[in-house]
Amino acid sequence: MPRDIDPGLFARMVAIRRDLHQHPELSWQEKRTAGRVCAALGQIGVPHRRVGETGIVADLPGPRGVHAVALRADLDALPIREETGLPFASIHEGRMHACGHDGHTSLLLGAAEMLAREVLPAPVRLLFQPAEELGVGAQSLVEAGALDGVALVFGGHLDRHYPTGSIVVGDGTVNASTDTFHITITGQGGHAARPHESIDSVVVGSLMVMAIQTIVSREVNPAYPSVVTVGRFDAGTAANVISGQARLEGTIRAQDPSVRAHLREALRRIADATGHLHGAGVSVEFPEGTPPVINHPEAATLARQAAALAVGPANVLGLQTANMGGEDFSYYLEKARGCYVRFGAQVPGREGFPAHSSKFDFDEQALAVGAAYYHAVALVAGQWLCGGEP
């Protein structure tokens, strides 16, 4: 445990985490969670305000005329039936904290308690954000002015891929963009015994699925990680009926903005061409997703310095592999310089189940690491904003 985390504070973080874990709430429904956060902030005397029904912004004062350092946690759970067997497992069927947001919230509250005791070199703003799992909660806070007056923003995620006690700081892109696509194929239905009278949307869709696989393998530089996945294929009503309509749904992930744009264009081109080849109508839609998370160089340097203070230089790691998961923290980085890190949280002696799994859990010792890091980065970044050396 980091030396600046006293046992009493750690116990409070664990208690909050377990309470939130037992009472998970889905995106935009985090009312009890928000109430719990407000109560905790009130107990330590941190001024705060609601943004919408479930967002919370808290401000710790610093010198006048200095921009703020923002720290962010997310609040929402997932629509998953929990199978961890934990004594504090979810009491709500079909809802679970399967991504560690219960931990993110509690460790930021721990950092708030530590920072409330400090004379801060710069104001600190705490962002407790709803609806990260939908990729839209960050936008709601930005639109409400939560980043007004903020110069630097920092966030992090518990990660079972790294040992507890480590903090992973990456340069440049650390999370992929996330775009969804919907393809509707309109053919001509008919009797399965007379295919010549029909335009089979299942055949068109199947050819489309296979053709889409060539986008990444043949059109994208292998040095740029990217993914195009068809996750859903709906068609047909009976075994002896040729389906006149099919629908494909999937996701596009990229770590470079230009590759993101190319993937979208290529998918539309292939879908339209495949439909035209077989005489089927095709409609392609791209609901807007989140941009890639791209750490700013200055903020990444500050994050490394803070991580070294929190866990020691030997435990500050680089990102091992490209992370193709999305994060709406990217919207904050469009407004302010910032850095997104990962807190190692492997559970000792237990199999590590992935995030968004019904058996996901993390080592609670990582709460102390996260709180120590946020405490350190608020001070280091604040000193840098004032022109001083960390």
Protein backbone atom coordinates (compact mmCIF):
# COMPACT_ATOMS: atom_id res chain seq x y z
CA MET A 1 0.00 0.00 0.00
CA PRO A 2 1.36 3.49 -0.79
CA ARG A 3 2.85 5.00 2.35
CA ASP A 4 0.63 8.11 2.29
CA ILE A 5 -2.61 6.07 2.56
CA ASP A 6 -3.56 5.54 6.18
CA PRO A 7 -5.48 2.36 7.10
CA GLY A 8 -8.58 4.29 8.12
CA LEU A 9 -8.85 6.00 4.74
CA PHE A 10 -8.29 2.70 2.94
CA ALA A 11 -11.05 1.07 5.00
CA ARG A 12 -13.44 3.88 4.06
CA MET A 13 -12.64 3.46 0.36
CA VAL A 14 -13.25 -0.29 0.56
CA ALA A 15 -16.55 0.24 2.36
CA ILE A 16 -17.76 2.70 -0.29
CA ARG A 17 -16.62 0.44 -3.11
CA ARG A 18 -18.48 -2.56 -1.67
CA ASP A 19 -21.62 -0.54 -1.05
CA LEU A 20 -21.61 0.73 -4.64
CA HIS A 21 -20.85 -2.74 -5.96
CA GLN A 22 -23.83 -4.15 -4.10
CA HIS A 23 -26.13 -1.46 -5.51
CA PRO A 24 -25.16 -1.03 -9.18
CA GLU A 25 -27.05 1.42 -11.37
CA LEU A 26 -27.09 1.61 -15.14
CA SER A 27 -26.16 4.62 -17.28
CA TRP A 28 -28.24 7.76 -16.53
CA GLN A 29 -29.85 5.93 -13.58
CA GLU A 30 -27.04 6.45 -11.04
CA LYS A 31 -29.22 8.33 -8.54
CA ARG A 32 -28.35 6.32 -5.43
CA THR A 33 -24.70 6.30 -6.46
CA ALA A 34 -24.69 10.07 -6.92
CA GLY A 35 -26.33 10.48 -3.53
CA ARG A 36 -23.65 8.31 -1.93
CA VAL A 37 -20.92 10.42 -3.56
CA CYS A 38 -22.51 13.68 -2.42
CA ALA A 39 -22.82 12.38 1.12
CA ALA A 40 -19.14 11.38 1.18
CA LEU A 41 -18.06 14.76 -0.20
CA GLY A 42 -20.23 16.51 2.36
CA GLN A 43 -18.62 14.58 5.22
CA ILE A 44 -15.17 15.87 4.26
CA GLY A 45 -16.39 19.40 3.55
CA VAL A 46 -15.82 19.48 -0.22
CA PRO A 47 -18.21 21.86 -2.06
CA HIS A 48 -20.03 20.13 -4.89
CA ARG A 49 -22.94 20.51 -7.27
CA ARG A 50 -25.12 18.26 -9.37
CA VAL A 51 -24.93 18.27 -13.16
CA GLY A 52 -28.19 16.88 -14.45
CA GLU A 53 -29.66 14.14 -12.27
CA THR A 54 -26.58 11.99 -11.73
CA GLY A 55 -23.41 13.93 -12.58
CA ILE A 56 -21.42 15.62 -9.81
CA VAL A 57 -18.74 18.31 -9.98
CA ALA A 58 -16.75 19.16 -6.84
CA ASP A 59 -14.21 21.96 -6.42
CA LEU A 60 -11.26 22.19 -4.06
CA PRO A 61 -10.04 25.79 -3.97
CA GLY A 62 -6.57 26.96 -4.90
CA PRO A 63 -4.87 30.28 -5.66
CA ARG A 64 -6.83 32.78 -7.69
CA GLY A 65 -5.82 33.26 -11.29
CA VAL A 66 -4.58 29.67 -11.68
CA HIS A 67 -6.41 27.21 -13.90
CA ALA A 68 -7.71 23.99 -12.36
CA VAL A 69 -6.56 20.39 -12.52
CA ALA A 70 -9.48 18.01 -13.10
CA LEU A 71 -9.68 14.39 -11.93
CA ARG A 72 -12.41 12.10 -13.26
CA ALA A 73 -14.25 8.96 -12.14
CA ASP A 74 -17.19 7.18 -13.78
CA LEU A 75 -20.29 5.96 -11.95
CA ASP A 76 -22.34 3.54 -14.06
CA ALA A 77 -22.67 -0.24 -14.05
CA LEU A 78 -23.53 -2.73 -16.81
CA PRO A 79 -26.60 -4.86 -17.66
CA ILE A 80 -24.88 -8.13 -16.66
CA ARG A 81 -25.97 -10.85 -14.24
CA GLU A 82 -23.22 -11.10 -11.61
CA GLU A 83 -21.55 -14.47 -10.99
CA THR A 84 -18.60 -13.50 -8.78
CA GLY A 85 -19.85 -15.13 -5.58
CA LEU A 86 -18.60 -12.11 -3.63
CA PRO A 87 -20.27 -11.48 -0.25
CA PHE A 88 -21.10 -7.98 -1.48
CA ALA A 89 -22.35 -9.07 -4.91
CA SER A 90 -25.06 -7.09 -6.65
CA ILE A 91 -28.51 -7.34 -5.09
CA HIS A 92 -30.08 -6.33 -8.40
CA GLU A 93 -30.65 -9.13 -10.89
CA GLY A 94 -29.13 -8.35 -14.27
CA ARG A 95 -27.04 -5.38 -13.10
CA MET A 96 -23.39 -5.46 -12.13
CA HIS A 97 -20.28 -3.34 -11.70
CA ALA A 98 -18.30 -5.39 -14.22
CA CYS A 99 -15.85 -2.68 -15.27
CA GLY A 100 -14.51 -1.31 -11.99
CA HIS A 101 -16.44 1.95 -11.91
CA ASP A 102 -17.31 1.27 -8.28
CA GLY A 103 -13.57 1.29 -7.62
CA HIS A 104 -12.96 4.41 -9.69
CA THR A 105 -15.57 6.31 -7.71
CA SER A 106 -14.30 5.19 -4.30
CA LEU A 107 -10.63 5.86 -5.05
CA LEU A 108 -11.41 9.38 -6.29
CA LEU A 109 -13.33 10.00 -3.07
CA GLY A 110 -10.24 8.80 -1.21
CA ALA A 111 -8.10 11.24 -3.15
CA ALA A 112 -10.61 14.00 -2.38
CA GLU A 113 -10.22 13.34 1.34
CA MET A 114 -6.43 13.56 1.01
CA LEU A 115 -6.51 16.72 -1.10
CA ALA A 116 -8.96 18.43 1.25
CA ARG A 117 -6.17 18.47 3.86
CA GLU A 118 -3.67 20.16 1.52
CA VAL A 119 -2.81 23.74 0.65
CA LEU A 120 -3.18 23.26 -3.09
CA PRO A 121 -0.91 24.90 -5.69
CA ALA A 122 -3.86 25.01 -8.11
CA PRO A 123 -7.61 24.45 -7.81
CA VAL A 124 -8.71 20.82 -8.21
CA ARG A 125 -11.99 19.84 -9.83
CA LEU A 126 -13.45 16.39 -9.27
CA LEU A 127 -15.68 14.99 -12.01
CA PHE A 128 -18.02 12.13 -11.12
CA GLN A 129 -19.42 11.21 -14.49
CA PRO A 130 -22.51 9.20 -15.46
CA ALA A 131 -23.05 7.07 -18.57
CA GLU A 132 -19.48 6.22 -19.54
CA GLU A 133 -20.65 2.81 -20.76
CA LEU A 134 -22.84 4.54 -23.34
CA GLY A 135 -19.97 6.79 -24.41
CA VAL A 136 -21.99 9.97 -23.85
CA GLY A 137 -21.59 10.95 -20.20
CA ALA A 138 -18.40 12.94 -20.69
CA GLN A 139 -20.09 15.07 -23.35
CA SER A 140 -22.87 15.91 -20.92
CA LEU A 141 -20.38 17.29 -18.40
CA VAL A 142 -18.43 19.18 -21.05
CA GLU A 143 -21.63 20.76 -22.37
CA ALA A 144 -22.56 21.77 -18.83
CA GLY A 145 -19.27 23.65 -18.47
CA ALA A 146 -17.51 21.18 -16.19
CA LEU A 147 -14.18 21.83 -17.94
CA ASP A 148 -14.47 25.61 -17.93
CA GLY A 149 -11.32 26.97 -16.31
CA VAL A 150 -9.60 23.55 -16.44
CA ALA A 151 -6.10 23.35 -17.92
CA LEU A 152 -5.27 19.69 -17.29
CA VAL A 153 -7.46 16.62 -16.86
CA PHE A 154 -6.47 13.17 -15.59
CA GLY A 155 -8.30 9.86 -15.47
CA GLY A 156 -7.57 6.20 -15.01
CA HIS A 157 -8.94 2.66 -15.15
CA LEU A 158 -8.42 -0.40 -12.99
CA ASP A 159 -6.80 -3.10 -15.13
CA ARG A 160 -6.41 -6.80 -14.31
CA HIS A 161 -3.68 -7.18 -16.97
CA TYR A 162 -1.12 -5.51 -14.70
CA PRO A 163 0.05 -6.35 -11.15
CA THR A 164 -1.39 -4.44 -8.23
CA GLY A 165 0.94 -1.65 -7.21
CA SER A 166 1.78 -0.66 -10.76
CA ILE A 167 0.59 2.33 -12.77
CA VAL A 168 0.67 2.20 -16.56
CA VAL A 169 1.36 5.47 -18.39
CA GLY A 170 1.27 5.48 -22.19
CA ASP A 171 2.29 8.09 -24.73
CA GLY A 172 -0.02 9.11 -27.54
CA THR A 173 -3.06 6.96 -28.27
CA VAL A 174 -4.05 4.65 -25.41
CA ASN A 175 -7.67 3.82 -26.33
CA ALA A 176 -9.30 3.32 -29.70
CA SER A 177 -12.14 5.22 -31.28
CA THR A 178 -15.48 3.40 -31.19
CA ASP A 179 -17.98 3.61 -34.02
CA THR A 180 -21.05 1.44 -34.56
CA PHE A 181 -22.40 0.56 -37.99
CA HIS A 182 -25.85 -0.61 -39.08
CA ILE A 183 -26.30 -2.10 -42.56
CA THR A 184 -29.80 -2.84 -43.87
CA ILE A 185 -30.04 -5.08 -46.94
CA THR A 186 -33.28 -5.07 -48.92
CA GLY A 187 -33.70 -7.90 -51.42
CA GLN A 188 -36.76 -9.79 -52.60
CA GLY A 189 -38.30 -12.49 -50.45
CA GLY A 190 -39.69 -15.67 -51.88
CA HIS A 191 -40.06 -19.44 -51.67
CA ALA A 192 -36.91 -21.35 -50.79
CA ALA A 193 -37.67 -23.82 -53.60
CA ARG A 194 -37.65 -21.03 -56.23
CA PRO A 195 -34.56 -18.91 -55.51
CA HIS A 196 -34.48 -17.54 -59.06
CA GLU A 197 -37.56 -15.48 -58.23
CA SER A 198 -35.88 -13.78 -55.28
CA ILE A 199 -32.91 -11.68 -54.21
CA ASP A 200 -31.60 -13.48 -51.16
CA SER A 201 -30.60 -10.97 -48.48
CA VAL A 202 -28.90 -13.73 -46.48
CA VAL A 203 -26.54 -14.50 -49.36
CA VAL A 204 -25.86 -10.80 -49.92
CA GLY A 205 -25.24 -10.27 -46.21
CA SER A 206 -22.95 -13.29 -45.98
CA LEU A 207 -20.84 -12.07 -48.90
CA MET A 208 -20.74 -8.65 -47.28
CA VAL A 209 -19.49 -10.09 -43.97
CA MET A 210 -16.64 -11.86 -45.73
CA ALA A 211 -15.73 -8.87 -47.90
CA ILE A 212 -15.63 -6.58 -44.87
CA GLN A 213 -12.86 -8.75 -43.41
CA THR A 214 -10.49 -7.52 -46.12
CA ILE A 215 -10.63 -3.89 -44.99
CA VAL A 216 -8.18 -4.25 -42.10
CA SER A 217 -6.13 -7.03 -43.66
CA ARG A 218 -5.63 -5.37 -47.05
CA GLU A 219 -6.38 -1.64 -46.77
CA VAL A 220 -4.84 -0.56 -43.45
CA ASN A 221 -1.15 -0.24 -42.63
CA PRO A 222 -0.40 -3.11 -40.19
CA ALA A 223 1.43 -0.63 -37.96
CA TYR A 224 -1.92 1.02 -37.11
CA PRO A 225 -4.11 -1.20 -34.88
CA SER A 226 -7.69 -1.36 -36.11
CA VAL A 227 -10.72 -3.66 -35.96
CA VAL A 228 -13.90 -4.13 -37.97
CA THR A 229 -16.24 -6.65 -36.36
CA VAL A 230 -19.71 -7.75 -37.43
CA GLY A 231 -21.35 -8.66 -34.14
CA ARG A 232 -24.93 -9.24 -35.27
CA PHE A 233 -26.62 -10.68 -38.35
CA ASP A 234 -30.43 -10.78 -38.34
CA ALA A 235 -32.44 -12.28 -41.20
CA GLY A 236 -35.18 -14.74 -42.02
CA THR A 237 -38.38 -16.05 -40.48
CA ALA A 238 -38.62 -19.69 -41.57
CA ALA A 239 -36.51 -22.49 -43.03
CA ASN A 240 -38.36 -22.54 -46.36
CA VAL A 241 -38.53 -18.78 -46.92
CA ILE A 242 -35.89 -16.70 -48.67
CA SER A 243 -35.51 -13.58 -46.59
CA GLY A 244 -36.09 -10.28 -48.34
CA GLN A 245 -34.33 -8.26 -45.67
CA ALA A 246 -31.24 -8.65 -43.47
CA ARG A 247 -29.49 -6.39 -40.97
CA LEU A 248 -25.85 -6.38 -39.97
CA GLU A 249 -24.52 -4.54 -36.93
CA GLY A 250 -20.97 -4.18 -35.75
CA THR A 251 -18.20 -1.98 -34.48
CA ILE A 252 -15.19 -0.17 -35.91
CA ARG A 253 -12.14 0.53 -33.76
CA ALA A 254 -9.08 2.57 -34.68
CA GLN A 255 -6.25 4.34 -32.87
CA ASP A 256 -5.55 6.89 -35.59
CA PRO A 257 -8.16 9.45 -36.71
CA SER A 258 -7.27 9.07 -40.41
CA VAL A 259 -7.59 5.28 -40.18
CA ARG A 260 -10.94 5.72 -38.45
CA ALA A 261 -12.18 7.78 -41.39
CA HIS A 262 -10.85 5.26 -43.92
CA LEU A 263 -12.54 2.31 -42.18
CA ARG A 264 -15.90 4.03 -42.37
CA GLU A 265 -15.48 4.93 -46.05
CA ALA A 266 -14.27 1.45 -46.98
CA LEU A 267 -17.12 -0.29 -45.18
CA ARG A 268 -19.68 1.89 -46.94
CA ARG A 269 -17.99 1.29 -50.31
CA ILE A 270 -17.95 -2.51 -49.89
CA ALA A 271 -21.51 -2.66 -48.59
CA ASP A 272 -22.85 -0.56 -51.49
CA ALA A 273 -20.85 -2.51 -54.09
CA THR A 274 -21.94 -5.90 -52.77
CA GLY A 275 -25.57 -4.85 -52.81
CA HIS A 276 -25.25 -3.45 -56.34
CA LEU A 277 -23.56 -6.66 -57.55
CA HIS A 278 -26.58 -8.72 -56.52
CA GLY A 279 -29.34 -6.22 -57.17
CA ALA A 280 -30.14 -5.56 -53.50
CA GLY A 281 -30.75 -2.23 -51.86
CA VAL A 282 -28.29 -1.25 -49.12
CA SER A 283 -28.46 1.39 -46.41
CA VAL A 284 -25.44 2.09 -44.18
CA GLU A 285 -25.63 4.13 -40.97
CA PHE A 286 -22.84 5.17 -38.61
CA PRO A 287 -24.10 6.35 -35.20
CA GLU A 288 -21.40 8.64 -33.88
CA GLY A 289 -18.95 6.99 -31.49
CA THR A 290 -16.16 8.19 -29.24
CA PRO A 291 -12.84 9.52 -30.59
CA PRO A 292 -9.57 7.81 -29.66
CA VAL A 293 -8.00 8.68 -26.30
CA ILE A 294 -4.74 10.45 -27.13
CA ASN A 295 -2.59 11.45 -24.17
CA HIS A 296 -0.90 14.83 -24.41
CA PRO A 297 2.91 14.77 -24.05
CA GLU A 298 3.15 17.30 -21.21
CA ALA A 299 0.35 15.63 -19.26
CA ALA A 300 1.89 12.18 -19.74
CA THR A 301 5.18 13.49 -18.34
CA LEU A 302 3.36 14.87 -15.29
CA ALA A 303 1.48 11.59 -14.89
CA ARG A 304 4.75 9.62 -14.84
CA GLN A 305 6.21 11.92 -12.22
CA ALA A 306 3.10 11.57 -10.07
CA ALA A 307 2.98 7.79 -10.53
CA ALA A 308 6.63 7.53 -9.44
CA LEU A 309 5.79 9.48 -6.28
CA ALA A 310 2.80 7.21 -5.60
CA VAL A 311 4.31 3.76 -6.24
CA GLY A 312 8.02 4.26 -6.95
CA PRO A 313 9.73 4.55 -10.35
CA ALA A 314 10.14 0.77 -10.73
CA ASN A 315 6.37 0.31 -10.68
CA VAL A 316 5.63 2.86 -13.41
CA LEU A 317 5.10 0.80 -16.56
CA GLY A 318 4.58 1.51 -20.23
CA LEU A 319 1.54 0.33 -22.17
CA GLN A 320 2.31 -3.23 -23.33
CA THR A 321 -0.20 -3.61 -26.16
CA ALA A 322 -2.66 -1.44 -28.03
CA ASN A 323 -5.95 -1.12 -26.18
CA MET A 324 -8.83 -1.33 -28.63
CA GLY A 325 -11.46 -0.54 -26.01
CA GLY A 326 -13.18 2.83 -26.14
CA GLU A 327 -13.42 5.57 -23.50
CA ASP A 328 -15.39 8.79 -23.58
CA PHE A 329 -12.57 10.41 -21.60
CA SER A 330 -11.52 11.36 -25.14
CA TYR A 331 -14.06 14.20 -25.10
CA TYR A 332 -12.28 15.84 -22.17
CA LEU A 333 -9.00 15.65 -24.09
CA GLU A 334 -10.57 17.66 -26.91
CA LYS A 335 -11.02 20.52 -24.42
CA ALA A 336 -7.92 20.29 -22.22
CA ARG A 337 -4.54 18.62 -22.13
CA GLY A 338 -4.63 15.40 -20.18
CA CYS A 339 -3.54 11.84 -19.59
CA TYR A 340 -5.37 8.56 -19.04
CA VAL A 341 -3.55 5.83 -17.09
CA ARG A 342 -4.19 2.29 -15.88
CA PHE A 343 -3.99 1.00 -12.32
CA GLY A 344 -2.75 -2.58 -12.03
CA ALA A 345 -5.39 -4.61 -10.20
CA GLN A 346 -4.69 -8.32 -10.61
CA VAL A 347 -6.36 -10.41 -7.91
CA PRO A 348 -3.58 -12.47 -6.25
CA GLY A 349 -4.01 -16.22 -6.60
CA ARG A 350 -7.23 -15.96 -8.59
CA GLU A 351 -8.04 -16.27 -12.25
CA GLY A 352 -8.45 -12.87 -13.84
CA PHE A 353 -11.75 -12.47 -15.63
CA PRO A 354 -11.99 -9.70 -18.21
CA ALA A 355 -13.88 -6.46 -17.82
CA HIS A 356 -17.54 -6.76 -18.83
CA SER A 357 -17.49 -10.37 -17.63
CA SER A 358 -20.06 -11.69 -15.14
CA LYS A 359 -17.12 -12.78 -12.92
CA PHE A 360 -15.03 -9.61 -13.10
CA ASP A 361 -13.36 -8.45 -9.89
CA PHE A 362 -10.23 -6.51 -8.97
CA ASP A 363 -7.73 -6.36 -6.11
CA GLU A 364 -9.02 -3.76 -3.66
CA GLN A 365 -5.44 -2.81 -2.76
CA ALA A 366 -5.48 -0.97 -6.09
CA LEU A 367 -7.85 1.57 -4.52
CA ALA A 368 -4.97 2.86 -2.41
CA VAL A 369 -2.76 3.08 -5.49
CA GLY A 370 -5.35 5.06 -7.45
CA ALA A 371 -6.02 7.47 -4.59
CA ALA A 372 -2.30 8.06 -4.04
CA TYR A 373 -1.82 8.72 -7.75
CA TYR A 374 -4.67 11.23 -8.00
CA HIS A 375 -3.39 12.99 -4.89
CA ALA A 376 0.11 13.17 -6.36
CA VAL A 377 -0.91 14.21 -9.88
CA ALA A 378 -3.12 17.03 -8.57
CA LEU A 379 -0.12 18.46 -6.69
CA VAL A 380 2.46 17.81 -9.42
CA ALA A 381 0.25 19.24 -12.17
CA GLY A 382 -0.75 22.19 -10.00
CA GLN A 383 2.89 23.08 -9.34
CA TRP A 384 3.62 22.84 -13.07
CA LEU A 385 0.73 25.18 -13.88
CA CYS A 386 2.21 27.69 -11.46
CA GLY A 387 5.54 27.52 -13.24
CA GLY A 388 7.28 25.56 -10.51
CA GLU A 389 9.13 22.28 -10.66
CA PRO A 390 7.21 19.22 -9.44
